[in-house]
Protein backbone atom coordinates (compact mmCIF):
# COMPACT_ATOMS: atom_id res chain seq x y z
CA MET A 1 91.69 55.95 103.76
CA ALA A 2 89.36 57.15 106.52
CA ALA A 3 92.14 59.30 107.93
CA VAL A 4 92.67 60.94 104.54
CA GLN A 5 88.96 61.65 104.22
CA GLU A 6 88.98 63.27 107.67
CA VAL A 7 91.78 65.64 106.62
CA VAL A 8 90.16 66.55 103.32
CA THR A 9 86.73 67.23 104.82
CA GLU A 10 88.07 69.28 107.71
CA ALA A 11 86.48 72.74 107.89
CA PRO A 12 88.79 75.57 106.78
CA ALA A 13 90.09 77.95 109.42
CA ILE A 14 89.27 81.02 107.32
CA ASP A 15 85.94 81.57 105.57
CA ALA A 16 86.21 82.06 101.83
CA VAL A 17 85.67 85.60 100.62
CA PRO A 18 84.09 86.16 97.20
CA LYS A 19 86.09 88.33 94.81
CA ARG A 20 83.40 90.98 94.71
CA ALA A 21 83.55 91.22 98.52
CA MET A 22 87.23 92.18 98.50
CA THR A 23 86.55 95.81 97.58
CA LEU A 24 83.97 98.54 98.00
CA SER A 25 81.58 99.67 95.29
CA ALA A 26 82.73 102.47 92.97
CA GLY A 27 80.48 105.04 94.65
CA THR A 28 81.58 104.17 98.17
CA THR A 29 85.22 104.18 97.08
CA LEU A 30 84.89 107.70 95.64
CA ILE A 31 83.22 108.96 98.83
CA MET A 32 85.99 107.47 100.99
CA LEU A 33 88.67 108.93 98.73
CA ALA A 34 87.04 112.37 98.83
CA LEU A 35 86.94 112.27 102.64
CA LEU A 36 90.59 111.24 102.86
CA LEU A 37 91.55 114.07 100.52
CA LEU A 38 89.44 116.85 102.06
CA VAL A 39 89.42 116.23 105.82
CA PRO A 40 93.11 117.26 106.37
CA LEU A 41 92.31 120.70 104.92
CA PHE A 42 90.01 121.53 107.86
CA VAL A 43 91.76 120.01 110.90
CA LYS A 44 94.81 120.76 113.03
CA ASN A 45 98.25 119.23 112.54
CA PHE A 46 97.81 116.76 115.40
CA ILE A 47 94.68 115.34 113.76
CA ILE A 48 96.57 115.17 110.46
CA PHE A 49 99.30 113.21 112.24
CA GLN A 50 96.69 110.78 113.60
CA LEU A 51 95.23 110.38 110.10
CA THR A 52 98.72 109.64 108.80
CA MET A 53 99.14 106.90 111.41
CA LEU A 54 95.68 105.64 110.41
CA LEU A 55 97.04 105.08 106.89
CA VAL A 56 100.28 103.55 108.19
CA TYR A 57 98.59 101.01 110.42
CA GLY A 58 95.99 100.43 107.73
CA LEU A 59 98.79 99.31 105.40
CA ALA A 60 100.20 97.00 108.08
CA VAL A 61 96.75 95.48 108.73
CA LEU A 62 96.23 95.07 104.98
CA ALA A 63 99.53 93.17 104.77
CA LEU A 64 98.41 90.82 107.53
CA ASN A 65 95.07 90.43 105.75
CA ILE A 66 96.86 89.20 102.63
CA LEU A 67 98.76 86.64 104.70
CA THR A 68 95.91 85.41 106.90
CA GLY A 69 92.82 86.25 104.89
CA GLY A 70 94.50 85.42 101.57
CA SER A 71 96.62 82.36 102.26
CA GLY A 72 95.26 81.26 105.64
CA GLN A 73 98.56 81.58 107.55
CA PHE A 74 98.40 83.05 111.04
CA SER A 75 101.09 85.47 112.15
CA LEU A 76 101.76 87.27 115.41
CA GLY A 77 105.11 88.53 114.21
CA GLN A 78 104.19 91.48 112.01
CA SER A 79 105.78 93.89 114.47
CA ALA A 80 109.18 92.37 113.59
CA PHE A 81 108.72 93.16 109.88
CA TYR A 82 107.38 96.60 110.79
CA ALA A 83 110.51 97.23 112.90
CA VAL A 84 112.88 96.11 110.14
CA GLY A 85 111.18 98.42 107.65
CA ALA A 86 111.21 101.34 110.10
CA TYR A 87 114.89 100.91 110.92
CA THR A 88 115.82 100.45 107.26
CA SER A 89 114.25 103.79 106.32
CA ALA A 90 115.62 105.54 109.40
CA ILE A 91 119.18 104.33 108.83
CA LEU A 92 119.13 105.20 105.13
CA ILE A 93 117.76 108.69 105.81
CA GLU A 94 120.02 109.61 108.73
CA ASN A 95 123.23 107.67 107.99
CA ALA A 96 123.22 107.45 104.20
CA GLY A 97 121.42 110.72 103.40
CA MET A 98 118.96 108.97 101.07
CA ASN A 99 115.71 110.64 100.03
CA TYR A 100 112.86 109.48 102.26
CA ALA A 101 110.73 108.35 99.30
CA LEU A 102 113.51 106.13 97.95
CA THR A 103 113.97 104.40 101.29
CA LEU A 104 110.48 102.87 101.15
CA PRO A 105 111.07 100.46 98.24
CA VAL A 106 114.38 99.50 99.84
CA ALA A 107 112.59 98.79 103.13
CA GLY A 108 109.99 96.76 101.25
CA PHE A 109 112.65 94.73 99.44
CA VAL A 110 114.63 94.02 102.64
CA CYS A 111 111.46 92.92 104.43
CA PHE A 112 110.40 90.79 101.46
CA LEU A 113 113.66 88.85 101.70
CA PHE A 114 113.30 88.62 105.48
CA GLY A 115 109.72 87.37 105.25
CA PHE A 116 110.45 84.95 102.41
CA LEU A 117 113.41 83.44 104.28
CA PHE A 118 111.40 83.21 107.50
CA GLY A 119 108.60 81.51 105.57
CA LEU A 120 110.90 78.69 104.41
CA PRO A 121 111.39 77.00 107.81
CA ALA A 122 107.82 77.96 108.74
CA LEU A 123 106.52 75.69 105.95
CA ARG A 124 106.58 72.79 108.40
CA LEU A 125 104.29 74.68 110.77
CA SER A 126 100.63 75.60 110.60
CA GLY A 127 97.85 76.87 112.80
CA VAL A 128 98.77 77.55 116.41
CA TYR A 129 102.35 76.34 115.92
CA LEU A 130 102.97 78.90 113.18
CA ALA A 131 101.41 81.57 115.38
CA LEU A 132 103.81 80.61 118.20
CA ALA A 133 106.82 80.73 115.86
CA THR A 134 105.90 84.22 114.66
CA PHE A 135 105.19 85.22 118.28
CA ALA A 136 108.76 84.22 119.13
CA LEU A 137 110.04 86.35 116.25
CA ALA A 138 108.12 89.40 117.47
CA THR A 139 109.35 88.87 121.04
CA ALA A 140 112.98 88.53 119.97
CA MET A 141 113.17 91.48 117.55
CA PRO A 142 113.33 94.33 120.13
CA GLN A 143 116.16 92.51 121.93
CA ILE A 144 118.04 91.98 118.66
CA LEU A 145 117.81 95.69 117.86
CA LYS A 146 119.40 96.49 121.24
CA LEU A 147 122.50 94.38 120.59
CA GLY A 148 125.77 96.30 120.75
CA TYR A 149 126.84 94.78 117.44
CA PHE A 150 124.16 96.84 115.63
CA GLU A 151 124.36 99.92 117.84
CA ALA A 152 126.42 101.92 115.33
CA TRP A 153 123.49 101.75 112.89
CA THR A 154 120.43 101.40 115.12
CA GLY A 155 121.42 103.66 117.99
CA GLY A 156 120.94 100.80 120.46
CA VAL A 157 118.50 101.37 123.29
CA GLN A 158 118.29 105.11 122.59
CA GLY A 159 117.15 104.62 119.00
CA LEU A 160 117.40 107.12 116.14
CA VAL A 161 115.81 110.49 115.50
CA VAL A 162 114.41 110.76 111.96
CA THR A 163 114.10 114.06 110.11
CA LYS A 164 110.60 114.75 108.81
CA PRO A 165 110.67 115.81 105.13
CA ASP A 166 109.83 119.36 104.11
CA THR A 167 107.18 120.18 101.56
CA PRO A 168 108.88 120.10 98.12
CA ASP A 169 109.72 123.49 96.64
CA ILE A 170 107.68 122.85 93.50
CA VAL A 171 104.58 122.16 95.62
CA GLN A 172 105.15 125.32 97.66
CA THR A 173 105.57 127.34 94.47
CA VAL A 174 102.32 126.05 92.98
CA LEU A 175 100.42 126.68 96.23
CA ALA A 176 101.88 130.18 96.46
CA TRP A 177 100.06 131.09 93.24
CA PHE A 178 96.79 130.48 95.11
CA HIS A 179 98.08 132.10 98.33
CA LEU A 180 98.07 128.75 100.11
CA LYS A 181 100.59 126.97 102.32
CA MET A 182 101.12 123.32 103.22
CA SER A 183 102.65 122.17 106.50
CA GLN A 184 105.10 119.28 106.83
CA ASP A 185 102.41 117.12 108.43
CA MET A 186 99.93 117.77 105.65
CA TRP A 187 102.48 117.09 102.91
CA PHE A 188 103.55 113.80 104.44
CA TYR A 189 99.91 112.81 104.94
CA TYR A 190 99.21 113.19 101.23
CA PHE A 191 102.44 111.36 100.41
CA ALA A 192 101.39 108.48 102.69
CA LEU A 193 97.91 108.53 101.14
CA ALA A 194 99.38 108.16 97.64
CA VAL A 195 101.53 105.22 98.77
CA THR A 196 98.55 103.62 100.52
CA ILE A 197 96.28 103.91 97.48
CA ALA A 198 98.96 102.46 95.19
CA ILE A 199 99.60 99.47 97.48
CA TYR A 200 95.85 98.92 97.98
CA ILE A 201 95.27 98.74 94.21
CA LEU A 202 98.23 96.38 93.78
CA SER A 203 96.94 94.18 96.63
CA VAL A 204 93.46 93.92 95.12
CA ASN A 205 94.92 92.99 91.75
CA LEU A 206 97.24 90.46 93.42
CA LEU A 207 94.35 88.63 95.09
CA ARG A 208 92.44 88.62 91.81
CA SER A 209 95.41 87.25 89.88
CA ARG A 210 96.57 83.69 89.40
CA SER A 211 98.82 84.00 92.46
CA GLY A 212 95.90 85.27 94.53
CA ARG A 213 93.76 82.33 93.47
CA ALA A 214 96.61 80.04 94.51
CA PHE A 215 96.74 81.75 97.91
CA MET A 216 93.02 81.23 98.42
CA ALA A 217 93.16 77.63 97.25
CA ILE A 218 95.82 76.93 99.88
CA ARG A 219 93.73 78.74 102.47
CA ASP A 220 90.61 76.75 101.70
CA ASN A 221 92.20 73.30 101.39
CA GLU A 222 95.93 72.78 101.16
CA ILE A 223 95.71 69.15 100.06
CA ALA A 224 93.22 69.91 97.30
CA ALA A 225 95.35 72.86 96.13
CA SER A 226 98.42 70.61 95.89
CA ALA A 227 96.41 68.02 93.96
CA MET A 228 95.39 70.73 91.47
CA GLY A 229 99.05 71.56 90.78
CA VAL A 230 99.58 74.54 93.09
CA ASP A 231 103.15 74.76 94.39
CA VAL A 232 102.15 75.05 98.04
CA ALA A 233 105.66 75.70 99.37
CA LEU A 234 106.34 78.48 96.88
CA TYR A 235 103.06 80.32 97.37
CA LYS A 236 103.08 80.06 101.17
CA THR A 237 106.57 81.58 101.35
CA LEU A 238 105.60 84.14 98.69
CA ALA A 239 102.61 85.19 100.81
CA PHE A 240 104.93 85.71 103.77
CA GLY A 241 107.31 87.74 101.60
CA VAL A 242 104.60 89.99 100.13
CA SER A 243 103.01 90.55 103.54
CA ALA A 244 106.39 91.39 105.08
CA ALA A 245 107.22 93.79 102.22
CA ILE A 246 104.02 95.80 102.67
CA THR A 247 104.49 95.80 106.44
CA GLY A 248 108.06 97.05 105.95
CA ILE A 249 106.85 99.96 103.81
CA ALA A 250 104.29 100.77 106.50
CA GLY A 251 107.10 100.68 109.07
CA GLY A 252 109.17 103.08 106.99
CA LEU A 253 106.27 105.50 106.71
CA GLY A 254 105.62 105.19 110.43
CA ALA A 255 109.24 105.95 111.30
CA ILE A 256 109.18 109.12 109.20
CA ALA A 257 105.81 110.22 110.59
CA VAL A 258 106.80 109.69 114.23
CA GLN A 259 110.35 111.00 113.57
CA PHE A 260 111.83 108.41 115.89
CA VAL A 261 112.63 104.70 116.05
CA ALA A 262 113.50 102.70 119.17
CA PRO A 263 113.37 98.97 119.96
CA ASP A 264 110.69 99.35 122.63
CA GLY A 265 108.32 100.83 120.05
CA TYR A 266 108.04 97.50 118.21
CA THR A 267 107.10 94.99 120.89
CA ILE A 268 104.62 92.13 120.74
CA THR A 269 101.92 94.63 121.74
CA LEU A 270 102.12 96.16 118.26
CA ALA A 271 101.81 92.73 116.63
CA ILE A 272 98.71 91.91 118.69
CA SER A 273 97.22 95.31 117.86
CA LEU A 274 97.65 94.67 114.13
CA PHE A 275 96.08 91.22 114.46
CA LEU A 276 93.21 92.79 116.39
CA GLY A 277 92.79 95.39 113.65
CA MET A 278 92.49 92.65 111.05
CA VAL A 279 89.81 90.83 113.05
CA VAL A 280 87.78 93.99 113.69
CA GLY A 281 88.06 95.02 110.04
CA GLY A 282 87.06 91.58 108.77
CA VAL A 283 89.45 88.78 107.88
CA GLY A 284 89.95 88.67 104.13
CA TRP A 285 88.19 92.00 103.45
CA LEU A 286 90.80 94.51 102.34
CA PRO A 287 88.73 97.72 102.85
CA GLY A 288 88.25 96.64 106.46
CA SER A 289 91.96 97.26 107.05
CA ILE A 290 91.36 101.00 107.44
CA VAL A 291 88.46 100.31 109.84
CA GLY A 292 90.64 98.01 111.92
CA SER A 293 93.37 100.64 111.92
CA ALA A 294 90.92 103.27 113.17
CA PHE A 295 89.85 100.90 115.94
CA ILE A 296 93.36 100.31 117.29
CA ILE A 297 94.24 104.03 117.09
CA PHE A 298 91.12 105.79 118.37
CA VAL A 299 89.34 103.31 120.67
CA PRO A 300 92.19 103.22 123.25
CA ASN A 301 91.96 107.03 123.41
CA ILE A 302 88.20 106.79 123.90
CA ALA A 303 88.70 104.19 126.64
CA GLU A 304 91.22 106.44 128.39
CA GLY A 305 88.79 109.34 128.15
CA ILE A 306 86.13 107.24 129.90
CA SER A 307 88.45 106.10 132.70
CA LYS A 308 92.18 106.74 132.86
CA GLY A 309 92.72 104.26 135.66
CA LEU A 310 90.73 101.49 134.02
CA SER A 311 91.39 102.27 130.35
CA GLY A 312 92.54 98.70 129.66
CA ALA A 313 89.35 97.26 131.17
CA VAL A 314 87.16 99.70 129.24
CA PHE A 315 88.99 98.85 126.01
CA GLY A 316 88.44 95.15 126.70
CA VAL A 317 84.71 95.69 127.26
CA ILE A 318 84.40 97.70 124.03
CA LEU A 319 86.29 94.99 122.13
CA PHE A 320 84.07 92.27 123.61
CA ILE A 321 80.92 94.14 122.60
CA VAL A 322 82.19 94.68 119.05
CA ILE A 323 83.17 91.02 118.57
CA PHE A 324 79.91 89.82 120.15
CA LEU A 325 77.72 92.03 117.95
CA VAL A 326 79.71 91.71 114.71
CA PRO A 327 81.89 88.56 114.89
CA HIS A 328 82.94 89.00 111.24
CA GLY A 329 83.99 92.60 111.79
CA ALA A 330 83.37 95.55 109.51
CA ARG A 331 82.83 93.19 106.58
CA GLN A 332 79.63 91.97 108.25
CA VAL A 333 78.39 95.53 108.76
CA ALA A 334 79.12 96.36 105.11
CA MET A 335 77.26 93.27 103.89
CA VAL A 336 74.20 94.10 106.03
CA ALA A 337 74.22 97.72 104.80
CA GLN A 338 74.52 96.55 101.20
CA HIS A 339 71.60 94.16 101.68
CA LEU A 340 69.42 96.91 103.17
CA LEU A 341 70.27 99.31 100.36
CA GLY A 342 69.42 96.62 97.84
CA ARG A 343 65.99 96.14 99.42
CA LEU A 344 65.34 99.90 99.43
CA LYS A 345 66.19 100.14 95.72
CA LYS A 346 63.66 97.42 94.88
CA ARG A 347 60.85 99.35 96.52
């Protein structure tokens, strides 16, 4: 009996996140959306490409946030799902001649099955053991993609070149009326933005639904959730499947944006970067996914600008300072800012 009480009263690994804390306020959301829509109009194509990758990695971090922040399951294997999604889109575009937009739901579906099936044997694992199992998956995936058996589809070590989509004729025609033009990079940015917004809205609604409440119940206390009638096995594997599906779509977008896929582009380093992005953005706080994505894209460049020879050390120092000052990531900064604004309004 004492042993049971110890298990039940054990502190949860992930702090609970109130529903209202999952999203930004309406005003802040509109400001962020306006910035995302307008900034590409005034910057060069390289910056637009970086913003596209910001959205891509933001989706991947959001997917990990659903798995870890939503259901409390740790994963260091997101790079494997990202790779499967990227290769699925690349193969369908180059070998099957499929439209790039149609490859994304296929990539999501393939990764959902992959994640769901991986989640079944992982049901027996939790905590650090689950993290090690997913770490093994991420480590093995680049080697699997190099196998000669798959070389006819994946291109083996050399990878595949992916054709970047042109701006649709109807869009060019409409812009021509206003004497405007849209580059390939800008068109794909807005396409990626539309996909990101759609998945973000679906993710918020998922966590607010009955399934989302089941995820959070499992995260907070698995034994109590089971006692309340939650099918723990089903929802844990479902969380893996949903997270893998979103990561696969992000991988497909990334493959099209970069115009190339190769096994060495999806190593464990990518998985650790996504996990780092989730921590910096705030575990369980979906808007923080874009902040975490910005951190893993731009901070390494800043560190290299400070010292090319010691960029890794500089990055480590910056990361240490951020975690020391804001251990709960961007979510903590947002909560402090909201509190200060609330006090100013009362005056």
